[in-house]
């Protein structure tokens, strides 16, 4: 077996076969020779589209398509060639003098004015305002109040039975006939409130 490996290496050298190196699928070299979206020489992940990985501290780096729970405790590192007014490279310029954009958190590619998704962790700026509208929007209604009568239809829809802030869990139900000709929350289960 060792002889076969040695012969293979000798043939590769003699025939001029190119050096083959491996890296993760989808990674490409940037100008510095580092694999974008993969590990560079220091072991840090170089941010690239649709890639999430560990940096040197062991924290997860969240990127454009990373799920919300990847955000928790993460560290963002801007690419060295990122534009000054769009450090997170999400296509939106940061707010403030010199950039005059509308991105309220230019260190998080998931936070931008057209964000419609809801999250269970704050953005990299420590805010729940992922859509940059100046407030936190709750995904699910709170203080569910049921009305109506089963005969004509229960009103109130679905929601938390109490007030649950972002990333808090509580009882969630849907207004329906309780079997005693009244509309009350039924099908109750535990849900986590998400925000945008």
Protein backbone atom coordinates (compact mmCIF):
# COMPACT_ATOMS: atom_id res chain seq x y z
CA UNK A 1 0.00 0.00 0.00
CA UNK A 2 2.81 2.43 0.92
CA UNK A 3 4.57 1.56 -2.33
CA UNK A 4 1.42 2.38 -4.33
CA UNK A 5 1.12 5.77 -2.61
CA UNK A 6 4.79 6.51 -3.30
CA UNK A 7 4.39 5.55 -6.98
CA UNK A 8 1.27 7.73 -7.23
CA UNK A 9 3.14 10.73 -5.75
CA UNK A 10 6.07 10.14 -8.12
CA UNK A 11 3.73 9.98 -11.15
CA UNK A 12 1.92 13.14 -10.04
CA UNK A 13 5.24 15.00 -9.82
CA UNK A 14 6.61 13.59 -13.07
CA UNK A 15 3.42 14.23 -15.06
CA UNK A 16 2.90 17.75 -13.77
CA UNK A 17 -0.46 17.13 -12.16
CA UNK A 18 -1.70 20.26 -10.38
CA UNK A 19 -1.65 20.47 -6.60
CA UNK A 20 -5.12 19.62 -5.32
CA UNK A 21 -6.39 21.35 -2.21
CA UNK A 22 -9.76 21.03 -0.62
CA UNK A 23 -12.19 23.57 0.82
CA UNK A 24 -15.87 23.65 1.58
CA UNK A 25 -18.35 23.72 -1.29
CA UNK A 26 -19.36 27.17 -2.43
CA UNK A 27 -16.24 28.89 -1.11
CA UNK A 28 -14.16 31.03 -3.44
CA UNK A 29 -10.87 32.82 -3.07
CA UNK A 30 -10.91 36.55 -2.40
CA UNK A 31 -8.08 38.90 -3.38
CA UNK A 32 -6.06 37.94 -0.30
CA UNK A 33 -6.20 34.24 -1.11
CA UNK A 34 -8.58 33.50 1.76
CA UNK A 35 -11.58 31.34 1.08
CA UNK A 36 -14.68 33.51 1.34
CA UNK A 37 -17.37 31.76 3.28
CA UNK A 38 -14.79 29.39 4.71
CA UNK A 39 -11.85 29.34 7.09
CA UNK A 40 -8.94 31.72 6.54
CA UNK A 41 -5.42 31.15 7.79
CA UNK A 42 -6.32 32.17 11.35
CA UNK A 43 -9.25 29.76 11.55
CA UNK A 44 -11.74 32.65 11.47
CA UNK A 45 -14.72 32.39 9.20
CA UNK A 46 -14.66 35.01 6.46
CA UNK A 47 -18.24 36.34 6.14
CA UNK A 48 -19.85 35.53 2.81
CA UNK A 49 -23.40 35.19 1.56
CA UNK A 50 -25.41 32.31 2.95
CA UNK A 51 -22.65 31.06 5.26
CA UNK A 52 -22.66 30.81 9.02
CA UNK A 53 -19.82 29.38 11.00
CA UNK A 54 -17.67 29.75 14.07
CA UNK A 55 -15.16 32.54 14.57
CA UNK A 56 -12.06 32.26 16.74
CA UNK A 57 -14.08 32.87 19.90
CA UNK A 58 -16.46 30.02 19.14
CA UNK A 59 -19.36 32.43 18.55
CA UNK A 60 -21.59 31.91 15.55
CA UNK A 61 -21.39 34.50 12.80
CA UNK A 62 -24.83 35.18 11.39
CA UNK A 63 -25.24 36.02 7.72
CA UNK A 64 -27.96 36.83 5.22
CA UNK A 65 -29.88 33.56 5.36
CA UNK A 66 -29.03 32.47 8.89
CA UNK A 67 -32.01 31.44 11.01
CA UNK A 68 -33.07 33.70 13.84
CA UNK A 69 -31.71 31.49 16.58
CA UNK A 70 -28.21 31.82 15.09
CA UNK A 71 -28.33 35.48 16.14
CA UNK A 72 -28.25 34.72 19.86
CA UNK A 73 -24.83 35.66 21.25
CA UNK A 74 -23.32 36.05 17.81
CA UNK A 75 -20.50 38.33 16.71
CA UNK A 76 -20.53 40.20 13.41
CA UNK A 77 -17.30 40.89 11.59
CA UNK A 78 -17.50 43.14 8.53
CA UNK A 79 -15.56 42.09 5.48
CA UNK A 80 -12.44 44.24 4.98
CA UNK A 81 -13.69 45.21 1.51
CA UNK A 82 -17.23 46.11 2.67
CA UNK A 83 -18.42 49.58 1.67
CA UNK A 84 -18.19 52.12 4.52
CA UNK A 85 -21.92 52.88 4.28
CA UNK A 86 -23.00 49.23 4.07
CA UNK A 87 -20.78 47.23 6.43
CA UNK A 88 -23.21 44.30 6.69
CA UNK A 89 -23.58 44.23 2.89
CA UNK A 90 -27.35 43.83 2.97
CA UNK A 91 -27.90 46.44 0.24
CA UNK A 92 -29.03 49.21 2.61
CA UNK A 93 -26.93 52.21 3.62
CA UNK A 94 -26.57 53.00 7.31
CA UNK A 95 -28.32 55.94 8.91
CA UNK A 96 -26.40 59.06 9.82
CA UNK A 97 -24.23 61.76 8.36
CA UNK A 98 -22.19 60.82 5.35
CA UNK A 99 -24.35 57.83 4.36
CA UNK A 100 -27.93 59.14 4.66
CA UNK A 101 -29.36 55.65 4.50
CA UNK A 102 -32.20 53.88 6.28
CA UNK A 103 -30.46 50.80 7.76
CA UNK A 104 -30.93 51.08 11.53
CA UNK A 105 -28.33 48.37 12.31
CA UNK A 106 -25.53 48.25 9.77
CA UNK A 107 -23.76 45.51 11.70
CA UNK A 108 -26.53 42.94 11.11
CA UNK A 109 -27.51 41.84 7.60
CA UNK A 110 -30.86 40.60 8.93
CA UNK A 111 -31.87 44.09 10.12
CA UNK A 112 -33.01 46.37 7.28
CA UNK A 113 -36.11 48.37 6.26
CA UNK A 114 -37.78 45.60 4.24
CA UNK A 115 -37.33 42.78 6.77
CA UNK A 116 -40.59 40.85 7.21
CA UNK A 117 -39.34 37.88 9.25
CA UNK A 118 -39.74 37.66 13.04
CA UNK A 119 -36.93 36.74 15.46
CA UNK A 120 -36.51 35.38 19.00
CA UNK A 121 -33.16 37.14 19.64
CA UNK A 122 -32.12 40.77 19.40
CA UNK A 123 -30.15 42.02 16.42
CA UNK A 124 -26.42 42.80 16.65
CA UNK A 125 -27.26 46.33 17.82
CA UNK A 126 -29.20 45.03 20.83
CA UNK A 127 -32.60 45.93 19.37
CA UNK A 128 -35.77 44.10 18.35
CA UNK A 129 -36.38 46.59 15.52
CA UNK A 130 -35.34 44.38 12.61
CA UNK A 131 -37.49 46.29 10.08
CA UNK A 132 -36.15 49.72 11.14
CA UNK A 133 -39.58 51.23 11.77
CA UNK A 134 -38.56 52.61 15.17
CA UNK A 135 -40.46 50.08 17.32
CA UNK A 136 -40.68 46.38 18.04
CA UNK A 137 -43.53 44.59 16.34
CA UNK A 138 -44.92 41.42 17.90
CA UNK A 139 -45.64 38.39 15.74
CA UNK A 140 -48.59 37.15 17.79
CA UNK A 141 -51.51 39.02 19.41
CA UNK A 142 -51.58 39.26 23.21
CA UNK A 143 -54.27 39.25 25.94
CA UNK A 144 -56.61 37.08 23.86
CA UNK A 145 -60.24 38.05 24.41
CA UNK A 146 -62.88 35.71 23.05
CA UNK A 147 -66.36 36.85 22.14
CA UNK A 148 -69.39 35.81 20.17
CA UNK A 149 -71.40 32.64 20.55
CA UNK A 150 -70.67 29.25 18.99
CA UNK A 151 -73.94 29.30 17.06
CA UNK A 152 -72.92 32.36 15.04
CA UNK A 153 -69.18 31.98 15.39
CA UNK A 154 -66.55 32.77 17.97
CA UNK A 155 -64.56 35.98 17.64
CA UNK A 156 -61.14 36.93 18.89
CA UNK A 157 -58.98 34.63 16.75
CA UNK A 158 -55.74 33.31 18.22
CA UNK A 159 -53.07 34.73 20.49
CA UNK A 160 -51.33 34.71 23.85
CA UNK A 161 -53.64 34.50 26.86
CA UNK A 162 -51.45 37.10 28.62
CA UNK A 163 -48.79 39.65 27.63
CA UNK A 164 -45.54 38.06 26.44
CA UNK A 165 -42.58 40.20 25.42
CA UNK A 166 -40.06 39.27 22.72
CA UNK A 167 -38.39 35.89 23.37
CA UNK A 168 -40.78 35.07 26.23
CA UNK A 169 -42.95 31.97 26.23
CA UNK A 170 -46.53 31.70 27.37
CA UNK A 171 -49.89 30.05 26.84
CA UNK A 172 -51.27 30.49 23.32
CA UNK A 173 -54.75 29.51 22.23
CA UNK A 174 -57.61 29.97 19.77
CA UNK A 175 -61.13 31.14 20.56
CA UNK A 176 -63.64 28.34 20.06
CA UNK A 177 -66.72 26.62 21.46
CA UNK A 178 -65.93 25.17 24.86
CA UNK A 179 -68.85 22.74 24.66
CA UNK A 180 -70.98 24.81 27.04
CA UNK A 181 -72.25 27.29 24.44
CA UNK A 182 -69.44 29.73 25.22
CA UNK A 183 -66.40 30.92 23.26
CA UNK A 184 -63.20 30.52 25.25
CA UNK A 185 -59.52 29.91 24.42
CA UNK A 186 -59.00 26.29 23.41
CA UNK A 187 -56.20 24.14 22.07
CA UNK A 188 -53.82 25.94 24.42
CA UNK A 189 -50.09 25.25 24.05
CA UNK A 190 -46.82 27.01 24.90
CA UNK A 191 -45.53 29.45 22.29
CA UNK A 192 -42.57 31.87 22.15
CA UNK A 193 -43.21 35.45 21.14
CA UNK A 194 -41.11 36.60 18.19
CA UNK A 195 -40.51 40.21 17.15
CA UNK A 196 -39.51 42.32 14.18
